Amino acid sequence: MQNSYQIVQTGRNFLVIKTDEEDDLTGQKYYTFFFENPNSYYVQVLHRHLLNETSTSREYFRRITPTPKECVMP
């Protein structure tokens, strides 16, 4: 992340980060990283708006390259 952030909470398969991004439109942002398995995770973004409204978005990621042990040259 380019902006400063603070780790708010951690668990066995998740991590919550609060950013210092704050403006009139989006308010405070929290990113929750859910690690489903070693090859995939998703990020849920929670926007706490200044008018006590919240909105969320979710984005999924997965590894598309082979794991290191599969990268052995013949």
Protein backbone atom coordinates (compact mmCIF):
# COMPACT_ATOMS: atom_id res chain seq x y z
CA MET A 1 0.00 0.00 0.00
CA GLN A 2 1.24 3.47 -0.78
CA ASN A 3 -0.48 5.27 2.08
CA SER A 4 0.16 4.70 5.77
CA TYR A 5 -1.91 1.99 7.37
CA GLN A 6 -2.46 0.30 10.71
CA ILE A 7 -3.11 -3.40 11.37
CA VAL A 8 -6.33 -3.43 13.38
CA GLN A 9 -6.99 -7.15 13.84
CA THR A 10 -5.48 -10.50 12.86
CA GLY A 11 -6.82 -14.02 12.94
CA ARG A 12 -5.97 -17.48 11.72
CA ASN A 13 -7.00 -16.75 8.13
CA PHE A 14 -7.63 -12.99 7.97
CA LEU A 15 -6.01 -9.59 8.46
CA VAL A 16 -7.78 -6.22 8.91
CA ILE A 17 -5.99 -3.02 7.87
CA LYS A 18 -7.19 0.56 8.44
CA THR A 19 -5.78 3.15 6.06
CA ASP A 20 -5.14 6.81 6.63
CA GLU A 21 -7.14 7.63 3.49
CA GLU A 22 -10.03 9.84 4.47
CA ASP A 23 -12.02 12.35 2.49
CA ASP A 24 -15.56 13.73 2.26
CA LEU A 25 -16.67 11.16 -0.30
CA THR A 26 -15.34 7.83 0.98
CA GLY A 27 -14.60 8.41 4.66
CA GLN A 28 -12.35 5.87 6.42
CA LYS A 29 -11.34 2.66 4.61
CA TYR A 30 -10.79 -0.78 6.14
CA TYR A 31 -9.35 -3.66 4.10
CA THR A 32 -9.95 -7.24 5.24
CA PHE A 33 -7.78 -9.90 3.61
CA PHE A 34 -9.29 -13.41 3.82
CA PHE A 35 -6.81 -16.19 3.02
CA GLU A 36 -8.86 -19.15 1.77
CA ASN A 37 -5.88 -21.38 0.93
CA PRO A 38 -2.22 -20.94 -0.13
CA ASN A 39 -3.26 -20.11 -3.70
CA SER A 40 -6.21 -17.76 -3.26
CA TYR A 41 -7.48 -14.93 -1.11
CA TYR A 42 -9.98 -12.13 -1.35
CA VAL A 43 -10.06 -8.56 -0.12
CA GLN A 44 -13.16 -6.92 1.23
CA VAL A 45 -13.11 -3.13 1.47
CA LEU A 46 -15.35 -1.41 4.00
CA HIS A 47 -15.93 2.32 3.55
CA ARG A 48 -17.18 4.08 6.66
CA HIS A 49 -18.70 7.25 5.25
CA LEU A 50 -18.80 10.45 7.22
CA LEU A 51 -22.62 10.33 7.39
CA ASN A 52 -22.57 6.97 9.27
CA GLU A 53 -23.25 5.00 6.10
CA THR A 54 -21.17 2.00 5.09
CA SER A 55 -20.51 0.29 1.79
CA THR A 56 -18.43 -2.74 0.88
CA SER A 57 -16.73 -4.16 -2.16
CA ARG A 58 -14.93 -7.47 -2.66
CA GLU A 59 -12.14 -8.54 -5.02
CA TYR A 60 -10.77 -12.08 -5.50
CA PHE A 61 -7.16 -13.08 -6.24
CA ARG A 62 -5.56 -16.42 -7.03
CA ARG A 63 -2.07 -17.61 -7.87
CA ILE A 64 -1.63 -18.40 -11.55
CA THR A 65 2.05 -19.35 -11.54
CA PRO A 66 3.28 -22.79 -10.49
CA THR A 67 4.54 -23.27 -6.98
CA PRO A 68 8.37 -23.28 -6.66
CA LYS A 69 8.71 -27.08 -6.44
CA GLU A 70 6.90 -27.34 -9.81
CA CYS A 71 9.36 -24.94 -11.42
CA VAL A 72 12.29 -27.38 -11.47
CA MET A 73 14.18 -27.33 -14.78
CA PRO A 74 14.69 -30.76 -16.46
